[in-house]
C-alpha atoms as a PDB file:
ATOM      1  CA  MET A   1       0.392  11.105 -13.878  1.00  0.00           C
ATOM      2  CA  ARG A   2       3.588  12.096 -12.008  1.00  0.00           C
ATOM      3  CA  LEU A   3       4.804  11.568  -8.413  1.00  0.00           C
ATOM      4  CA  SER A   4       6.001  14.721  -6.933  1.00  0.00           C
ATOM      5  CA  LEU A   5       7.022  15.537  -3.260  1.00  0.00           C
ATOM      6  CA  LEU A   6       4.871  18.713  -2.471  1.00  0.00           C
ATOM      7  CA  SER A   7       6.381  19.713   0.378  1.00  0.00           C
ATOM      8  CA  THR A   8       9.180  19.446   2.732  1.00  0.00           C
ATOM      9  CA  LEU A   9       8.244  19.734   6.428  1.00  0.00           C
ATOM     10  CA  ALA A  10      10.268  20.425   9.735  1.00  0.00           C
ATOM     11  CA  ALA A  11      11.821  17.630  11.948  1.00  0.00           C
ATOM     12  CA  SER A  12       9.051  16.654  14.605  1.00  0.00           C
ATOM     13  CA  SER A  13       9.668  14.034  17.600  1.00  0.00           C
ATOM     14  CA  LEU A  14       8.017  10.749  17.223  1.00  0.00           C
ATOM     15  CA  THR A  15       7.694   9.101  20.671  1.00  0.00           C
ATOM     16  CA  ALA A  16       5.382   6.583  22.103  1.00  0.00           C
ATOM     17  CA  ALA A  17       3.527   9.075  23.926  1.00  0.00           C
ATOM     18  CA  SER A  18       2.139  10.380  20.373  1.00  0.00           C
ATOM     19  CA  PHE A  19       0.020   6.908  20.351  1.00  0.00           C
ATOM     20  CA  ALA A  20      -1.164   7.050  24.204  1.00  0.00           C
ATOM     21  CA  GLY A  21      -4.104   4.934  24.654  1.00  0.00           C
ATOM     22  CA  VAL A  22      -3.872   3.204  21.308  1.00  0.00           C
ATOM     23  CA  VAL A  23      -3.347  -0.667  21.187  1.00  0.00           C
ATOM     24  CA  GLY A  24      -2.423  -2.529  18.140  1.00  0.00           C
ATOM     25  CA  PRO A  25      -3.216  -2.001  14.308  1.00  0.00           C
ATOM     26  CA  TYR A  26      -6.258  -0.130  13.211  1.00  0.00           C
ATOM     27  CA  ALA A  27      -8.165  -2.305  10.301  1.00  0.00           C
ATOM     28  CA  THR A  28     -11.123  -0.873   7.728  1.00  0.00           C
ATOM     29  CA  SER A  29     -13.257  -1.645   4.788  1.00  0.00           C
ATOM     30  CA  ASP A  30     -14.169   2.055   4.147  1.00  0.00           C
ATOM     31  CA  PHE A  31     -11.725   4.045   2.053  1.00  0.00           C
ATOM     32  CA  GLN A  32     -12.827   7.427   3.368  1.00  0.00           C
ATOM     33  CA  ASP A  33     -12.358   6.186   7.131  1.00  0.00           C
ATOM     34  CA  TRP A  34      -8.730   4.987   6.238  1.00  0.00           C
ATOM     35  CA  LEU A  35      -7.874   8.244   4.993  1.00  0.00           C
ATOM     36  CA  SER A  36      -9.535   9.913   7.986  1.00  0.00           C
ATOM     37  CA  ALA A  37      -7.399   7.571  10.502  1.00  0.00           C
ATOM     38  CA  GLY A  38      -4.385   8.805   8.724  1.00  0.00           C
ATOM     39  CA  GLY A  39      -5.022  12.458   8.547  1.00  0.00           C
ATOM     40  CA  LEU A  40      -4.355  12.303   5.131  1.00  0.00           C
ATOM     41  CA  PRO A  41      -5.502  14.688   2.277  1.00  0.00           C
ATOM     42  CA  GLY A  42      -8.742  13.915   0.646  1.00  0.00           C
ATOM     43  CA  ALA A  43     -10.435  12.679   3.848  1.00  0.00           C
ATOM     44  CA  GLU A  44     -13.934  14.149   4.625  1.00  0.00           C
ATOM     45  CA  ASP A  45     -12.836  14.194   8.397  1.00  0.00           C
ATOM     46  CA  PRO A  46      -9.366  14.531   8.668  1.00  0.00           C
ATOM     47  CA  SER A  47      -9.946  15.562  12.493  1.00  0.00           C
ATOM     48  CA  GLY A  48     -10.274  11.778  13.089  1.00  0.00           C
ATOM     49  CA  SER A  49      -6.524  11.198  12.802  1.00  0.00           C
ATOM     50  CA  LEU A  50      -5.211   8.126  14.766  1.00  0.00           C
ATOM     51  CA  PHE A  51      -1.802  10.428  15.115  1.00  0.00           C
ATOM     52  CA  ASP A  52      -0.888  13.205  16.861  1.00  0.00           C
ATOM     53  CA  PRO A  53      -1.203  16.507  15.426  1.00  0.00           C
ATOM     54  CA  SER A  54       2.456  17.875  15.111  1.00  0.00           C
ATOM     55  CA  LEU A  55       3.620  14.584  13.136  1.00  0.00           C
ATOM     56  CA  THR A  56       3.779  14.450   9.238  1.00  0.00           C
ATOM     57  CA  THR A  57       1.559  12.466   7.134  1.00  0.00           C
ATOM     58  CA  SER A  58       2.235  11.561   3.388  1.00  0.00           C
ATOM     59  CA  LEU A  59      -0.044   9.662   1.067  1.00  0.00           C
ATOM     60  CA  VAL A  60       1.291   7.642  -2.220  1.00  0.00           C
ATOM     61  CA  VAL A  61      -1.189   6.293  -4.607  1.00  0.00           C
ATOM     62  CA  ASP A  62       0.223   3.622  -7.032  1.00  0.00           C
ATOM     63  CA  GLU A  63      -2.257   2.677 -10.022  1.00  0.00           C
ATOM     64  CA  PHE A  64       0.576   0.489 -11.421  1.00  0.00           C
ATOM     65  CA  ASN A  65       1.172   2.654 -14.520  1.00  0.00           C
ATOM     66  CA  SER A  66       4.545   2.036 -14.634  1.00  0.00           C
ATOM     67  CA  VAL A  67       6.314  -0.687 -13.051  1.00  0.00           C
ATOM     68  CA  GLN A  68       9.444  -3.036 -13.393  1.00  0.00           C
ATOM     69  CA  THR A  69       9.082  -6.479 -14.352  1.00  0.00           C
ATOM     70  CA  GLY A  70      11.423  -9.602 -13.335  1.00  0.00           C
ATOM     71  CA  THR A  71      12.116 -12.811 -15.147  1.00  0.00           C
ATOM     72  CA  VAL A  72       9.642 -13.418 -17.681  1.00  0.00           C
ATOM     73  CA  ILE A  73       7.620 -17.024 -17.026  1.00  0.00           C
ATOM     74  CA  SER A  74       5.309 -16.718 -19.657  1.00  0.00           C
ATOM     75  CA  ALA A  75       3.418 -13.794 -21.823  1.00  0.00           C
ATOM     76  CA  GLY A  76       2.339 -11.225 -19.250  1.00  0.00           C
ATOM     77  CA  THR A  77       3.547 -13.214 -16.267  1.00  0.00           C
ATOM     78  CA  PHE A  78       6.772 -12.555 -14.566  1.00  0.00           C
ATOM     79  CA  SER A  79       8.686 -13.539 -11.234  1.00  0.00           C
ATOM     80  CA  SER A  80       7.939 -10.416  -9.754  1.00  0.00           C
ATOM     81  CA  VAL A  81       7.102  -7.026 -10.159  1.00  0.00           C
ATOM     82  CA  SER A  82       8.116  -4.087  -8.478  1.00  0.00           C
ATOM     83  CA  ASN A  83       7.758  -0.170  -8.360  1.00  0.00           C
ATOM     84  CA  GLY A  84      10.318   2.476  -6.820  1.00  0.00           C
ATOM     85  CA  THR A  85      13.978   1.939  -5.142  1.00  0.00           C
ATOM     86  CA  SER A  86      15.386   1.763  -2.050  1.00  0.00           C
ATOM     87  CA  ALA A  87      15.482   5.561  -1.831  1.00  0.00           C
ATOM     88  CA  ASN A  88      11.842   5.669  -1.695  1.00  0.00           C
ATOM     89  CA  TRP A  89      10.089   4.672   1.768  1.00  0.00           C
ATOM     90  CA  TRP A  90       6.855   3.411  -0.351  1.00  0.00           C
ATOM     91  CA  SER A  91       9.017   1.187  -2.869  1.00  0.00           C
ATOM     92  CA  TRP A  92       7.712  -2.337  -3.146  1.00  0.00           C
ATOM     93  CA  THR A  93       8.181  -5.915  -5.013  1.00  0.00           C
ATOM     94  CA  ALA A  94       5.262  -8.489  -5.837  1.00  0.00           C
ATOM     95  CA  THR A  95       5.247 -11.873  -6.139  1.00  0.00           C
ATOM     96  CA  GLY A  96       2.795 -14.711  -6.740  1.00  0.00           C
ATOM     97  CA  GLY A  97       3.881 -17.718  -5.733  1.00  0.00           C
ATOM     98  CA  ALA A  98       5.101 -20.590  -8.130  1.00  0.00           C
ATOM     99  CA  GLY A  99       2.603 -19.179 -10.560  1.00  0.00           C
ATOM    100  CA  GLY A 100       4.402 -15.837 -10.863  1.00  0.00           C
ATOM    101  CA  VAL A 101       2.498 -12.293 -11.077  1.00  0.00           C
ATOM    102  CA  SER A 102       0.979 -11.081 -13.822  1.00  0.00           C
ATOM    103  CA  VAL A 103       0.271  -7.629 -15.299  1.00  0.00           C
ATOM    104  CA  SER A 104      -3.006  -6.454 -16.889  1.00  0.00           C
ATOM    105  CA  THR A 105      -3.430  -3.355 -18.898  1.00  0.00           C
ATOM    106  CA  SER A 106      -6.927  -4.048 -20.241  1.00  0.00           C
ATOM    107  CA  GLY A 107     -10.401  -3.041 -18.751  1.00  0.00           C
ATOM    108  CA  ASP A 108     -10.757   0.122 -16.683  1.00  0.00           C
ATOM    109  CA  GLY A 109      -7.189   0.287 -15.478  1.00  0.00           C
ATOM    110  CA  ASP A 110      -3.886  -1.318 -14.926  1.00  0.00           C
ATOM    111  CA  SER A 111      -3.607  -4.135 -12.281  1.00  0.00           C
ATOM    112  CA  ILE A 112      -1.170  -6.929 -10.888  1.00  0.00           C
ATOM    113  CA  TYR A 113      -2.682 -10.243  -9.942  1.00  0.00           C
ATOM    114  CA  SER A 114      -1.458 -13.995  -8.770  1.00  0.00           C
ATOM    115  CA  ASN A 115      -2.589 -16.960 -10.770  1.00  0.00           C
ATOM    116  CA  PRO A 116      -5.015 -19.338  -9.591  1.00  0.00           C
ATOM    117  CA  ALA A 117      -4.971 -22.598  -7.535  1.00  0.00           C
ATOM    118  CA  ASN A 118      -4.730 -20.492  -4.142  1.00  0.00           C
ATOM    119  CA  SER A 119      -1.611 -18.636  -5.040  1.00  0.00           C
ATOM    120  CA  ALA A 120      -1.102 -15.912  -2.484  1.00  0.00           C
ATOM    121  CA  LEU A 121      -0.068 -12.274  -3.885  1.00  0.00           C
ATOM    122  CA  SER A 122       2.715 -10.803  -1.771  1.00  0.00           C
ATOM    123  CA  PHE A 123       4.104  -7.101  -1.693  1.00  0.00           C
ATOM    124  CA  GLU A 124       7.395  -6.552   0.229  1.00  0.00           C
ATOM    125  CA  PHE A 125       8.322  -3.144   0.675  1.00  0.00           C
ATOM    126  CA  ASN A 126      11.909  -2.428   0.959  1.00  0.00           C
ATOM    127  CA  GLY A 127      12.254   1.402   1.260  1.00  0.00           C
ATOM    128  CA  SER A 128      15.356   2.450   2.988  1.00  0.00           C
ATOM    129  CA  SER A 129      14.930   3.570   6.608  1.00  0.00           C
ATOM    130  CA  SER A 130      16.563   6.755   5.579  1.00  0.00           C
ATOM    131  CA  ALA A 131      14.897   7.559   2.385  1.00  0.00           C
ATOM    132  CA  GLN A 132      16.095  10.369   0.098  1.00  0.00           C
ATOM    133  CA  ASP A 133      12.387  11.221  -0.392  1.00  0.00           C
ATOM    134  CA  GLY A 134      12.360  13.207   2.801  1.00  0.00           C
ATOM    135  CA  PHE A 135      11.495  10.661   5.765  1.00  0.00           C
ATOM    136  CA  VAL A 136      13.172   9.152   8.508  1.00  0.00           C
ATOM    137  CA  SER A 137      11.050   5.985   8.609  1.00  0.00           C
ATOM    138  CA  GLY A 138       9.010   3.772   6.417  1.00  0.00           C
ATOM    139  CA  LEU A 139       5.434   2.559   5.854  1.00  0.00           C
ATOM    140  CA  ARG A 140       2.637   2.742   8.515  1.00  0.00           C
ATOM    141  CA  GLY A 141      -0.567   2.470   7.036  1.00  0.00           C
ATOM    142  CA  ILE A 142      -1.624   0.390   3.523  1.00  0.00           C
ATOM    143  CA  GLY A 143      -4.697  -0.081   1.647  1.00  0.00           C
ATOM    144  CA  GLY A 144      -5.904  -1.058  -1.525  1.00  0.00           C
ATOM    145  CA  GLY A 145      -8.527  -1.743  -4.243  1.00  0.00           C
ATOM    146  CA  PHE A 146      -8.245  -5.487  -4.243  1.00  0.00           C
ATOM    147  CA  ARG A 147     -10.538  -8.031  -5.675  1.00  0.00           C
ATOM    148  CA  PHE A 148     -11.200 -11.680  -6.840  1.00  0.00           C
ATOM    149  CA  PHE A 149     -11.832 -12.255 -10.615  1.00  0.00           C
ATOM    150  CA  ASN A 150     -12.568 -15.219 -13.118  1.00  0.00           C
ATOM    151  CA  ALA A 151     -10.721 -15.987 -16.431  1.00  0.00           C
ATOM    152  CA  ALA A 152     -13.033 -13.515 -17.978  1.00  0.00           C
ATOM    153  CA  GLY A 153     -11.712 -10.895 -16.069  1.00  0.00           C
ATOM    154  CA  GLN A 154     -15.243 -10.599 -13.850  1.00  0.00           C
ATOM    155  CA  SER A 155     -15.197  -9.737 -10.456  1.00  0.00           C
ATOM    156  CA  VAL A 156     -16.561 -12.745  -8.147  1.00  0.00           C
ATOM    157  CA  ASN A 157     -17.384 -13.017  -4.479  1.00  0.00           C
ATOM    158  CA  GLY A 158     -14.728 -14.468  -2.286  1.00  0.00           C
ATOM    159  CA  ARG A 159     -12.992 -13.784   1.146  1.00  0.00           C
ATOM    160  CA  ILE A 160      -9.286 -12.892   1.141  1.00  0.00           C
ATOM    161  CA  ILE A 161      -7.020 -13.110   4.222  1.00  0.00           C
ATOM    162  CA  LEU A 162      -4.714  -9.882   4.269  1.00  0.00           C
ATOM    163  CA  ARG A 163      -1.641 -10.672   6.581  1.00  0.00           C
ATOM    164  CA  LEU A 164       0.776  -7.785   7.745  1.00  0.00           C
ATOM    165  CA  SER A 165       4.387  -8.450   8.376  1.00  0.00           C
ATOM    166  CA  THR A 166       3.874  -7.501  11.924  1.00  0.00           C
ATOM    167  CA  GLY A 167       1.648 -10.551  12.380  1.00  0.00           C
ATOM    168  CA  GLU A 168      -1.842  -8.813  12.277  1.00  0.00           C
ATOM    169  CA  SER A 169      -4.390  -9.998   9.748  1.00  0.00           C
ATOM    170  CA  ILE A 170      -7.954  -9.631   8.706  1.00  0.00           C
ATOM    171  CA  ILE A 171     -10.502 -11.428   6.422  1.00  0.00           C
ATOM    172  CA  ARG A 172     -12.434  -9.338   3.957  1.00  0.00           C
ATOM    173  CA  ASN A 173     -15.344 -10.176   1.399  1.00  0.00           C
ATOM    174  CA  PHE A 174     -14.437  -8.784  -1.913  1.00  0.00           C
ATOM    175  CA  ASN A 175     -17.342  -8.913  -4.504  1.00  0.00           C
ATOM    176  CA  SER A 176     -16.679  -6.016  -6.784  1.00  0.00           C
ATOM    177  CA  ASP A 177     -13.853  -3.722  -8.460  1.00  0.00           C
ATOM    178  CA  GLU A 178     -14.748  -1.065  -5.698  1.00  0.00           C
ATOM    179  CA  ALA A 179     -13.992  -3.369  -2.824  1.00  0.00           C
ATOM    180  CA  PHE A 180     -11.595  -1.585  -0.425  1.00  0.00           C
ATOM    181  CA  ALA A 181      -9.579  -2.991   2.767  1.00  0.00           C
ATOM    182  CA  GLY A 182      -6.700  -1.111   4.532  1.00  0.00           C
ATOM    183  CA  PHE A 183      -4.669  -0.977   8.121  1.00  0.00           C
ATOM    184  CA  TRP A 184      -2.789   1.644  10.106  1.00  0.00           C
ATOM    185  CA  LEU A 185      -0.196   0.768  12.441  1.00  0.00           C
ATOM    186  CA  THR A 186      -0.427   2.719  15.970  1.00  0.00           C
ATOM    187  CA  ASP A 187       2.744   1.571  17.242  1.00  0.00           C
ATOM    188  CA  PRO A 188       5.424   4.206  16.734  1.00  0.00           C
ATOM    189  CA  SER A 189       8.166   1.729  16.792  1.00  0.00           C
ATOM    190  CA  SER A 190       6.826  -0.457  13.927  1.00  0.00           C
ATOM    191  CA  THR A 191       6.602  -0.173  10.278  1.00  0.00           C
ATOM    192  CA  ILE A 192       5.097  -2.475   7.855  1.00  0.00           C
ATOM    193  CA  THR A 193       7.555  -4.290   5.536  1.00  0.00           C
ATOM    194  CA  GLY A 194       5.008  -6.874   3.912  1.00  0.00           C
ATOM    195  CA  LEU A 195       1.314  -7.277   2.949  1.00  0.00           C
ATOM    196  CA  THR A 196       0.151 -11.023   1.659  1.00  0.00           C
ATOM    197  CA  LEU A 197      -3.273 -11.545   0.192  1.00  0.00           C
ATOM    198  CA  GLU A 198      -4.332 -15.246   0.088  1.00  0.00           C
ATOM    199  CA  PRO A 199      -7.722 -17.143  -0.401  1.00  0.00           C
ATOM    200  CA  PHE A 200      -9.742 -17.879   2.675  1.00  0.00           C
ATOM    201  CA  SER A 201     -10.755 -21.369   1.660  1.00  0.00           C
ATOM    202  CA  GLY A 202     -10.092 -23.685  -1.163  1.00  0.00           C
ATOM    203  CA  SER A 203     -13.363 -23.019  -2.891  1.00  0.00           C
ATOM    204  CA  THR A 204     -11.695 -19.830  -4.873  1.00  0.00           C
ATOM    205  CA  SER A 205      -8.869 -21.847  -6.043  1.00  0.00           C
ATOM    206  CA  ASN A 206     -10.116 -21.033  -9.757  1.00  0.00           C
ATOM    207  CA  TYR A 207     -10.203 -17.369  -9.356  1.00  0.00           C
ATOM    208  CA  TYR A 208      -7.309 -14.653  -9.448  1.00  0.00           C
ATOM    209  CA  ILE A 209      -6.315 -12.206  -6.659  1.00  0.00           C
ATOM    210  CA  GLY A 210      -5.771  -9.114  -8.078  1.00  0.00           C
ATOM    211  CA  ALA A 211      -5.136  -5.640  -7.136  1.00  0.00           C
ATOM    212  CA  HIS A 212      -5.725  -2.547  -9.215  1.00  0.00           C
ATOM    213  CA  THR A 213      -4.459   0.120  -6.585  1.00  0.00           C
ATOM    214  CA  LEU A 214      -2.140   0.503  -3.509  1.00  0.00           C
ATOM    215  CA  PHE A 215      -2.631   3.338  -1.041  1.00  0.00           C
ATOM    216  CA  LEU A 216       0.534   3.723   0.870  1.00  0.00           C
ATOM    217  CA  GLY A 217       0.596   5.985   3.989  1.00  0.00           C
ATOM    218  CA  TYR A 218       3.264   7.453   6.347  1.00  0.00           C
ATOM    219  CA  ALA A 219       2.951   9.136   9.405  1.00  0.00           C
ATOM    220  CA  GLY A 220       6.112  10.248  11.403  1.00  0.00           C
ATOM    221  CA  VAL A 221       8.720  12.451  11.148  1.00  0.00           C
ATOM    222  CA  ALA A 222       9.844  14.300   7.797  1.00  0.00           C
ATOM    223  CA  ILE A 223      13.411  15.567   7.541  1.00  0.00           C
ATOM    224  CA  PRO A 224      14.921  18.458   5.352  1.00  0.00           C
ATOM    225  CA  ALA A 225      17.489  16.006   3.477  1.00  0.00           C
ATOM    226  CA  PRO A 226      19.484  16.886   0.405  1.00  0.00           C
ATOM    227  CA  GLY A 227      17.105  15.716  -2.574  1.00  0.00           C
ATOM    228  CA  ALA A 228      13.881  15.797  -0.366  1.00  0.00           C
ATOM    229  CA  ILE A 229      12.377  18.522  -2.755  1.00  0.00           C
ATOM    230  CA  ALA A 230      13.466  16.675  -5.978  1.00  0.00           C
ATOM    231  CA  LEU A 231      10.697  15.304  -8.148  1.00  0.00           C
ATOM    232  CA  LEU A 232      10.376  11.474  -7.437  1.00  0.00           C
ATOM    233  CA  GLY A 233       9.607  10.917 -11.312  1.00  0.00           C
ATOM    234  CA  ALA A 234       7.668   7.341 -10.916  1.00  0.00           C
ATOM    235  CA  ALA A 235       5.082   7.437 -13.575  1.00  0.00           C
ATOM    236  CA  GLY A 236       1.472   6.199 -12.170  1.00  0.00           C
ATOM    237  CA  LEU A 237       2.121   7.620  -8.762  1.00  0.00           C
ATOM    238  CA  ILE A 238       0.679  10.386  -6.773  1.00  0.00           C
ATOM    239  CA  SER A 239       2.098  11.605  -3.844  1.00  0.00           C
ATOM    240  CA  VAL A 240       0.384  14.270  -1.124  1.00  0.00           C
ATOM    241  CA  THR A 241       2.155  15.411   1.603  1.00  0.00           C
ATOM    242  CA  ARG A 242       0.615  17.436   4.814  1.00  0.00           C
ATOM    243  CA  ARG A 243       1.554  18.854   8.091  1.00  0.00           C
ATOM    244  CA  ARG A 244      -1.279  18.528  10.337  1.00  0.00           C
ATOM    245  CA  GLY A 245      -1.967  21.133  13.234  1.00  0.00           C
END
């Protein structure tokens, strides 16, 4: 798959009034609800968006088909894994603590994961606030296909704490390959710069925390900047953009 910016949309004002009456982040464990809350393409009910209809929403789906790796710790394990550049609002770097972060290309798809012994999996979103791919700000929504699994690669039951860089967190039980969790920020002055997944209790210390998909959502102002229409060309990503209204 190839990431492409499907359209460049006219600028629109992002003001606190756009979010009148909404307080704090929105968290959900339902993928369709997450799409709907962001007013994103693919939602069964796009009218359920948390955002003002005049704003632009954009979705990037990262399935880890093509990532850059940091220093090699051992076979398949690295100091970090990343995708994108500072020119992309969706760019990220993942680390797994002292044990590093590993990359798997086996089974039903690619995934990245931290090693056992209560090692957290952390994502840092490091795109520029004036990204060249056509947006004036950064990440406002994040969701993912996350899971616990054992050394044999089998999903196991366990609770994961998901912590946002803005201070909010949720605890979610994961027990299958298909489990989902996601957030949207509704404060127009805030963006997400990080997400950390960590075990809820020591009883899961022998399991791995993994991610097989990231869903990254933008809601704000699109700008007609040079290069905004260019293909972004990072294999393994899908980008979909919509102007609501």
